[in-house]
Amino acid sequence: MTLDEDVLARVKEASRSRGTSFRETLNDLLRTGLLAASKPPDRSKFRIRATHMGLRPGLNYDSTEALLEYAEGIDHR
């Protein structure tokens, strides 16, 4: 197996800081990475919070035609 230079340097540093052999450190890091890769990612539920926007004075909310005209203009058809 050939490691990239940056990976090699990080494993050597981890080995020094842990006080373990290079082989032991590399195996521990590989086990940890493989375990993390096999788990599905944690996902939080998507939530939408409703906000009351109020009513605009002068609009007839009972008339779809009036609302379309307000939103899209006179030529909304």
PDB file of N, CA and C in Angstrom:
ATOM      1  N   MET A   1       0.858  -1.168   0.000  1.00  0.00           N
ATOM      2  CA  MET A   1       0.000   0.000   0.000  1.00  0.00           C
ATOM      3  C   MET A   1       0.906   1.233   0.000  1.00  0.00           C
ATOM      4  N   THR A   2       0.528   2.215  -0.783  1.00  0.00           N
ATOM      5  CA  THR A   2       1.266   3.469  -0.847  1.00  0.00           C
ATOM      6  C   THR A   2       0.378   4.588  -0.327  1.00  0.00           C
ATOM      7  N   LEU A   3       0.904   5.355   0.628  1.00  0.00           N
ATOM      8  CA  LEU A   3       0.158   6.477   1.206  1.00  0.00           C
ATOM      9  C   LEU A   3       0.636   7.778   0.582  1.00  0.00           C
ATOM     10  N   ASP A   4      -0.275   8.696   0.405  1.00  0.00           N
ATOM     11  CA  ASP A   4       0.101  10.032  -0.033  1.00  0.00           C
ATOM     12  C   ASP A   4       0.936  10.691   1.067  1.00  0.00           C
ATOM     13  N   GLU A   5       1.770  11.632   0.666  1.00  0.00           N
ATOM     14  CA  GLU A   5       2.681  12.280   1.619  1.00  0.00           C
ATOM     15  C   GLU A   5       1.951  12.954   2.778  1.00  0.00           C
ATOM     16  N   ASP A   6       0.832  13.640   2.471  1.00  0.00           N
ATOM     17  CA  ASP A   6       0.108  14.336   3.535  1.00  0.00           C
ATOM     18  C   ASP A   6      -0.521  13.347   4.516  1.00  0.00           C
ATOM     19  N   VAL A   7      -1.009  12.205   4.007  1.00  0.00           N
ATOM     20  CA  VAL A   7      -1.603  11.186   4.879  1.00  0.00           C
ATOM     21  C   VAL A   7      -0.517  10.549   5.731  1.00  0.00           C
ATOM     22  N   LEU A   8       0.610  10.254   5.123  1.00  0.00           N
ATOM     23  CA  LEU A   8       1.738   9.675   5.843  1.00  0.00           C
ATOM     24  C   LEU A   8       2.175  10.569   6.997  1.00  0.00           C
ATOM     25  N   ALA A   9       2.281  11.858   6.728  1.00  0.00           N
ATOM     26  CA  ALA A   9       2.695  12.806   7.766  1.00  0.00           C
ATOM     27  C   ALA A   9       1.681  12.849   8.912  1.00  0.00           C
ATOM     28  N   ARG A  10       0.393  12.811   8.581  1.00  0.00           N
ATOM     29  CA  ARG A  10      -0.637  12.872   9.631  1.00  0.00           C
ATOM     30  C   ARG A  10      -0.654  11.601  10.473  1.00  0.00           C
ATOM     31  N   VAL A  11      -0.435  10.459   9.842  1.00  0.00           N
ATOM     32  CA  VAL A  11      -0.409   9.207  10.598  1.00  0.00           C
ATOM     33  C   VAL A  11       0.821   9.167  11.493  1.00  0.00           C
ATOM     34  N   LYS A  12       1.955   9.613  10.994  1.00  0.00           N
ATOM     35  CA  LYS A  12       3.169   9.665  11.811  1.00  0.00           C
ATOM     36  C   LYS A  12       2.970  10.584  13.017  1.00  0.00           C
ATOM     37  N   GLU A  13       2.363  11.743  12.786  1.00  0.00           N
ATOM     38  CA  GLU A  13       2.100  12.686  13.884  1.00  0.00           C
ATOM     39  C   GLU A  13       1.160  12.069  14.911  1.00  0.00           C
ATOM     40  N   ALA A  14       0.088  11.399  14.444  1.00  0.00           N
ATOM     41  CA  ALA A  14      -0.848  10.748  15.359  1.00  0.00           C
ATOM     42  C   ALA A  14      -0.151   9.644  16.134  1.00  0.00           C
ATOM     43  N   SER A  15       0.739   8.922  15.483  1.00  0.00           N
ATOM     44  CA  SER A  15       1.487   7.852  16.131  1.00  0.00           C
ATOM     45  C   SER A  15       2.381   8.406  17.239  1.00  0.00           C
ATOM     46  N   ARG A  16       3.054   9.509  16.955  1.00  0.00           N
ATOM     47  CA  ARG A  16       3.912  10.143  17.971  1.00  0.00           C
ATOM     48  C   ARG A  16       3.092  10.645  19.147  1.00  0.00           C
ATOM     49  N   SER A  17       1.951  11.315  18.849  1.00  0.00           N
ATOM     50  CA  SER A  17       1.155  11.888  19.943  1.00  0.00           C
ATOM     51  C   SER A  17       0.475  10.811  20.780  1.00  0.00           C
ATOM     52  N   ARG A  18       0.139   9.665  20.186  1.00  0.00           N
ATOM     53  CA  ARG A  18      -0.490   8.566  20.928  1.00  0.00           C
ATOM     54  C   ARG A  18       0.534   7.697  21.651  1.00  0.00           C
ATOM     55  N   GLY A  19       1.751   7.719  21.162  1.00  0.00           N
ATOM     56  CA  GLY A  19       2.779   6.851  21.737  1.00  0.00           C
ATOM     57  C   GLY A  19       2.602   5.401  21.306  1.00  0.00           C
ATOM     58  N   THR A  20       2.040   5.199  20.109  1.00  0.00           N
ATOM     59  CA  THR A  20       1.841   3.857  19.590  1.00  0.00           C
ATOM     60  C   THR A  20       2.637   3.698  18.301  1.00  0.00           C
ATOM     61  N   SER A  21       2.754   2.469  17.839  1.00  0.00           N
ATOM     62  CA  SER A  21       3.497   2.232  16.603  1.00  0.00           C
ATOM     63  C   SER A  21       2.713   2.769  15.410  1.00  0.00           C
ATOM     64  N   PHE A  22       3.453   2.961  14.317  1.00  0.00           N
ATOM     65  CA  PHE A  22       2.835   3.446  13.090  1.00  0.00           C
ATOM     66  C   PHE A  22       1.753   2.477  12.629  1.00  0.00           C
ATOM     67  N   ARG A  23       2.072   1.189  12.656  1.00  0.00           N
ATOM     68  CA  ARG A  23       1.132   0.161  12.197  1.00  0.00           C
ATOM     69  C   ARG A  23      -0.148   0.163  13.038  1.00  0.00           C
ATOM     70  N   GLU A  24       0.024   0.220  14.357  1.00  0.00           N
ATOM     71  CA  GLU A  24      -1.142   0.219  15.259  1.00  0.00           C
ATOM     72  C   GLU A  24      -2.000   1.466  15.043  1.00  0.00           C
ATOM     73  N   THR A  25      -1.359   2.600  14.894  1.00  0.00           N
ATOM     74  CA  THR A  25      -2.085   3.850  14.669  1.00  0.00           C
ATOM     75  C   THR A  25      -2.831   3.811  13.344  1.00  0.00           C
ATOM     76  N   LEU A  26      -2.170   3.351  12.290  1.00  0.00           N
ATOM     77  CA  LEU A  26      -2.801   3.273  10.983  1.00  0.00           C
ATOM     78  C   LEU A  26      -4.002   2.332  11.014  1.00  0.00           C
ATOM     79  N   ASN A  27      -3.861   1.178  11.647  1.00  0.00           N
ATOM     80  CA  ASN A  27      -4.976   0.226  11.750  1.00  0.00           C
ATOM     81  C   ASN A  27      -6.142   0.821  12.533  1.00  0.00           C
ATOM     82  N   ASP A  28      -5.857   1.516  13.638  1.00  0.00           N
ATOM     83  CA  ASP A  28      -6.929   2.156  14.418  1.00  0.00           C
ATOM     84  C   ASP A  28      -7.654   3.220  13.592  1.00  0.00           C
ATOM     85  N   LEU A  29      -6.879   4.023  12.866  1.00  0.00           N
ATOM     86  CA  LEU A  29      -7.483   5.068  12.041  1.00  0.00           C
ATOM     87  C   LEU A  29      -8.316   4.475  10.912  1.00  0.00           C
ATOM     88  N   LEU A  30      -7.843   3.406  10.298  1.00  0.00           N
ATOM     89  CA  LEU A  30      -8.610   2.745   9.243  1.00  0.00           C
ATOM     90  C   LEU A  30      -9.901   2.141   9.797  1.00  0.00           C
ATOM     91  N   ARG A  31      -9.819   1.494  10.957  1.00  0.00           N
ATOM     92  CA  ARG A  31     -11.032   0.931  11.571  1.00  0.00           C
ATOM     93  C   ARG A  31     -12.058   2.028  11.858  1.00  0.00           C
ATOM     94  N   THR A  32     -11.585   3.128  12.417  1.00  0.00           N
ATOM     95  CA  THR A  32     -12.477   4.242  12.732  1.00  0.00           C
ATOM     96  C   THR A  32     -13.113   4.802  11.467  1.00  0.00           C
ATOM     97  N   GLY A  33     -12.329   4.981  10.430  1.00  0.00           N
ATOM     98  CA  GLY A  33     -12.848   5.509   9.167  1.00  0.00           C
ATOM     99  C   GLY A  33     -13.828   4.564   8.504  1.00  0.00           C
ATOM    100  N   LEU A  34     -13.530   3.275   8.525  1.00  0.00           N
ATOM    101  CA  LEU A  34     -14.428   2.293   7.922  1.00  0.00           C
ATOM    102  C   LEU A  34     -15.738   2.199   8.690  1.00  0.00           C
ATOM    103  N   LEU A  35     -15.664   2.281  10.009  1.00  0.00           N
ATOM    104  CA  LEU A  35     -16.883   2.246  10.823  1.00  0.00           C
ATOM    105  C   LEU A  35     -17.741   3.475  10.542  1.00  0.00           C
ATOM    106  N   ALA A  36     -17.110   4.639  10.461  1.00  0.00           N
ATOM    107  CA  ALA A  36     -17.851   5.878  10.193  1.00  0.00           C
ATOM    108  C   ALA A  36     -18.473   5.847   8.798  1.00  0.00           C
ATOM    109  N   ALA A  37     -17.779   5.251   7.835  1.00  0.00           N
ATOM    110  CA  ALA A  37     -18.288   5.203   6.458  1.00  0.00           C
ATOM    111  C   ALA A  37     -19.469   4.249   6.322  1.00  0.00           C
ATOM    112  N   SER A  38     -19.553   3.263   7.214  1.00  0.00           N
ATOM    113  CA  SER A  38     -20.636   2.280   7.102  1.00  0.00           C
ATOM    114  C   SER A  38     -21.932   2.748   7.766  1.00  0.00           C
ATOM    115  N   LYS A  39     -21.856   3.783   8.592  1.00  0.00           N
ATOM    116  CA  LYS A  39     -23.048   4.313   9.259  1.00  0.00           C
ATOM    117  C   LYS A  39     -23.742   5.321   8.360  1.00  0.00           C
ATOM    118  N   PRO A  40     -25.075   5.316   8.350  1.00  0.00           N
ATOM    119  CA  PRO A  40     -25.770   6.370   7.599  1.00  0.00           C
ATOM    120  C   PRO A  40     -25.560   7.716   8.298  1.00  0.00           C
ATOM    121  N   PRO A  41     -25.511   8.804   7.534  1.00  0.00           N
ATOM    122  CA  PRO A  41     -25.285  10.115   8.156  1.00  0.00           C
ATOM    123  C   PRO A  41     -26.458  10.506   9.051  1.00  0.00           C
ATOM    124  N   ASP A  42     -26.132  11.201  10.134  1.00  0.00           N
ATOM    125  CA  ASP A  42     -27.177  11.719  11.019  1.00  0.00           C
ATOM    126  C   ASP A  42     -27.877  12.857  10.308  1.00  0.00           C
ATOM    127  N   ARG A  43     -29.180  12.761  10.255  1.00  0.00           N
ATOM    128  CA  ARG A  43     -29.956  13.810   9.599  1.00  0.00           C
ATOM    129  C   ARG A  43     -30.994  14.332  10.573  1.00  0.00           C
ATOM    130  N   SER A  44     -31.038  15.623  10.683  1.00  0.00           N
ATOM    131  CA  SER A  44     -32.072  16.224  11.518  1.00  0.00           C
ATOM    132  C   SER A  44     -33.329  16.399  10.675  1.00  0.00           C
ATOM    133  N   LYS A  45     -34.460  16.397  11.332  1.00  0.00           N
ATOM    134  CA  LYS A  45     -35.713  16.550  10.612  1.00  0.00           C
ATOM    135  C   LYS A  45     -35.826  17.962  10.050  1.00  0.00           C
ATOM    136  N   PHE A  46     -36.350  18.050   8.854  1.00  0.00           N
ATOM    137  CA  PHE A  46     -36.583  19.343   8.224  1.00  0.00           C
ATOM    138  C   PHE A  46     -37.893  19.891   8.749  1.00  0.00           C
ATOM    139  N   ARG A  47     -37.841  21.055   9.309  1.00  0.00           N
ATOM    140  CA  ARG A  47     -39.044  21.661   9.862  1.00  0.00           C
ATOM    141  C   ARG A  47     -39.256  23.042   9.273  1.00  0.00           C
ATOM    142  N   ILE A  48     -40.498  23.345   9.030  1.00  0.00           N
ATOM    143  CA  ILE A  48     -40.877  24.671   8.544  1.00  0.00           C
ATOM    144  C   ILE A  48     -41.714  25.319   9.631  1.00  0.00           C
ATOM    145  N   ARG A  49     -41.344  26.502  10.002  1.00  0.00           N
ATOM    146  CA  ARG A  49     -42.100  27.223  11.011  1.00  0.00           C
ATOM    147  C   ARG A  49     -42.969  28.266  10.320  1.00  0.00           C
ATOM    148  N   ALA A  50     -44.253  28.138  10.534  1.00  0.00           N
ATOM    149  CA  ALA A  50     -45.203  29.067   9.912  1.00  0.00           C
ATOM    150  C   ALA A  50     -45.145  30.416  10.616  1.00  0.00           C
ATOM    151  N   THR A  51     -45.253  31.452   9.844  1.00  0.00           N
ATOM    152  CA  THR A  51     -45.274  32.811  10.372  1.00  0.00           C
ATOM    153  C   THR A  51     -46.506  33.517   9.839  1.00  0.00           C
ATOM    154  N   HIS A  52     -47.262  34.096  10.737  1.00  0.00           N
ATOM    155  CA  HIS A  52     -48.451  34.820  10.309  1.00  0.00           C
ATOM    156  C   HIS A  52     -48.019  36.131   9.664  1.00  0.00           C
ATOM    157  N   MET A  53     -48.371  36.303   8.411  1.00  0.00           N
ATOM    158  CA  MET A  53     -47.957  37.482   7.664  1.00  0.00           C
ATOM    159  C   MET A  53     -48.993  38.599   7.721  1.00  0.00           C
ATOM    160  N   GLY A  54     -50.158  38.295   8.240  1.00  0.00           N
ATOM    161  CA  GLY A  54     -51.198  39.304   8.315  1.00  0.00           C
ATOM    162  C   GLY A  54     -51.934  39.423   6.988  1.00  0.00           C
ATOM    163  N   LEU A  55     -52.959  40.228   6.994  1.00  0.00           N
ATOM    164  CA  LEU A  55     -53.745  40.463   5.788  1.00  0.00           C
ATOM    165  C   LEU A  55     -53.441  41.851   5.256  1.00  0.00           C
ATOM    166  N   ARG A  56     -53.389  41.972   3.951  1.00  0.00           N
ATOM    167  CA  ARG A  56     -53.126  43.261   3.328  1.00  0.00           C
ATOM    168  C   ARG A  56     -54.453  43.980   3.133  1.00  0.00           C
ATOM    169  N   PRO A  57     -54.558  45.186   3.645  1.00  0.00           N
ATOM    170  CA  PRO A  57     -55.810  45.920   3.493  1.00  0.00           C
ATOM    171  C   PRO A  57     -56.128  46.189   2.029  1.00  0.00           C
ATOM    172  N   GLY A  58     -57.386  46.082   1.694  1.00  0.00           N
ATOM    173  CA  GLY A  58     -57.820  46.387   0.344  1.00  0.00           C
ATOM    174  C   GLY A  58     -57.869  45.187  -0.586  1.00  0.00           C
ATOM    175  N   LEU A  59     -57.363  44.025  -0.147  1.00  0.00           N
ATOM    176  CA  LEU A  59     -57.420  42.840  -0.997  1.00  0.00           C
ATOM    177  C   LEU A  59     -58.623  41.990  -0.622  1.00  0.00           C
ATOM    178  N   ASN A  60     -59.261  41.449  -1.640  1.00  0.00           N
ATOM    179  CA  ASN A  60     -60.398  40.564  -1.429  1.00  0.00           C
ATOM    180  C   ASN A  60     -59.875  39.131  -1.468  1.00  0.00           C
ATOM    181  N   TYR A  61     -59.694  38.513  -0.306  1.00  0.00           N
ATOM    182  CA  TYR A  61     -59.137  37.168  -0.220  1.00  0.00           C
ATOM    183  C   TYR A  61     -60.146  36.090  -0.611  1.00  0.00           C
ATOM    184  N   ASP A  62     -61.361  36.464  -0.853  1.00  0.00           N
ATOM    185  CA  ASP A  62     -62.381  35.514  -1.291  1.00  0.00           C
ATOM    186  C   ASP A  62     -62.430  35.409  -2.810  1.00  0.00           C
ATOM    187  N   SER A  63     -61.700  36.259  -3.502  1.00  0.00           N
ATOM    188  CA  SER A  63     -61.737  36.279  -4.960  1.00  0.00           C
ATOM    189  C   SER A  63     -60.365  35.900  -5.522  1.00  0.00           C
ATOM    190  N   THR A  64     -60.285  34.718  -6.108  1.00  0.00           N
ATOM    191  CA  THR A  64     -59.038  34.275  -6.738  1.00  0.00           C
ATOM    192  C   THR A  64     -58.651  35.217  -7.869  1.00  0.00           C
ATOM    193  N   GLU A  65     -59.637  35.676  -8.619  1.00  0.00           N
ATOM    194  CA  GLU A  65     -59.407  36.593  -9.735  1.00  0.00           C
ATOM    195  C   GLU A  65     -58.722  37.873  -9.245  1.00  0.00           C
ATOM    196  N   ALA A  66     -59.219  38.424  -8.149  1.00  0.00           N
ATOM    197  CA  ALA A  66     -58.649  39.662  -7.608  1.00  0.00           C
ATOM    198  C   ALA A  66     -57.224  39.430  -7.106  1.00  0.00           C
ATOM    199  N   LEU A  67     -56.968  38.287  -6.497  1.00  0.00           N
ATOM    200  CA  LEU A  67     -55.622  37.981  -5.999  1.00  0.00           C
ATOM    201  C   LEU A  67     -54.635  37.784  -7.150  1.00  0.00           C
ATOM    202  N   LEU A  68     -55.069  37.078  -8.196  1.00  0.00           N
ATOM    203  CA  LEU A  68     -54.205  36.903  -9.359  1.00  0.00           C
ATOM    204  C   LEU A  68     -53.903  38.234 -10.034  1.00  0.00           C
ATOM    205  N   GLU A  69     -54.890  39.084 -10.115  1.00  0.00           N
ATOM    206  CA  GLU A  69     -54.681  40.394 -10.716  1.00  0.00           C
ATOM    207  C   GLU A  69     -53.699  41.208  -9.893  1.00  0.00           C
ATOM    208  N   TYR A  70     -53.793  41.131  -8.590  1.00  0.00           N
ATOM    209  CA  TYR A  70     -52.879  41.860  -7.710  1.00  0.00           C
ATOM    210  C   TYR A  70     -51.457  41.320  -7.856  1.00  0.00           C
ATOM    211  N   ALA A  71     -51.325  39.988  -7.869  1.00  0.00           N
ATOM    212  CA  ALA A  71     -49.985  39.378  -7.886  1.00  0.00           C
ATOM    213  C   ALA A  71     -49.328  39.457  -9.247  1.00  0.00           C
ATOM    214  N   GLU A  72     -50.080  39.248 -10.327  1.00  0.00           N
ATOM    215  CA  GLU A  72     -49.489  39.118 -11.643  1.00  0.00           C
ATOM    216  C   GLU A  72     -49.866  40.243 -12.617  1.00  0.00           C
ATOM    217  N   GLY A  73     -50.717  41.119 -12.197  1.00  0.00           N
ATOM    218  CA  GLY A  73     -51.101  42.231 -13.063  1.00  0.00           C
ATOM    219  C   GLY A  73     -52.381  41.963 -13.800  1.00  0.00           C
ATOM    220  N   ILE A  74     -52.847  42.961 -14.526  1.00  0.00           N
ATOM    221  CA  ILE A  74     -54.126  42.892 -15.219  1.00  0.00           C
ATOM    222  C   ILE A  74     -54.129  41.804 -16.286  1.00  0.00           C
ATOM    223  N   ASP A  75     -52.998  41.576 -16.948  1.00  0.00           N
ATOM    224  CA  ASP A  75     -52.916  40.594 -18.030  1.00  0.00           C
ATOM    225  C   ASP A  75     -52.453  39.226 -17.518  1.00  0.00           C
ATOM    226  N   HIS A  76     -52.989  38.767 -16.424  1.00  0.00           N
ATOM    227  CA  HIS A  76     -52.531  37.524 -15.811  1.00  0.00           C
ATOM    228  C   HIS A  76     -53.001  36.271 -16.510  1.00  0.00           C
ATOM    229  N   ARG A  77     -53.907  36.381 -17.449  1.00  0.00           N
ATOM    230  CA  ARG A  77     -54.469  35.194 -18.111  1.00  0.00           C
ATOM    231  C   ARG A  77     -53.547  34.655 -19.104  1.00  0.00           C
TER     232      ARG A  77
END
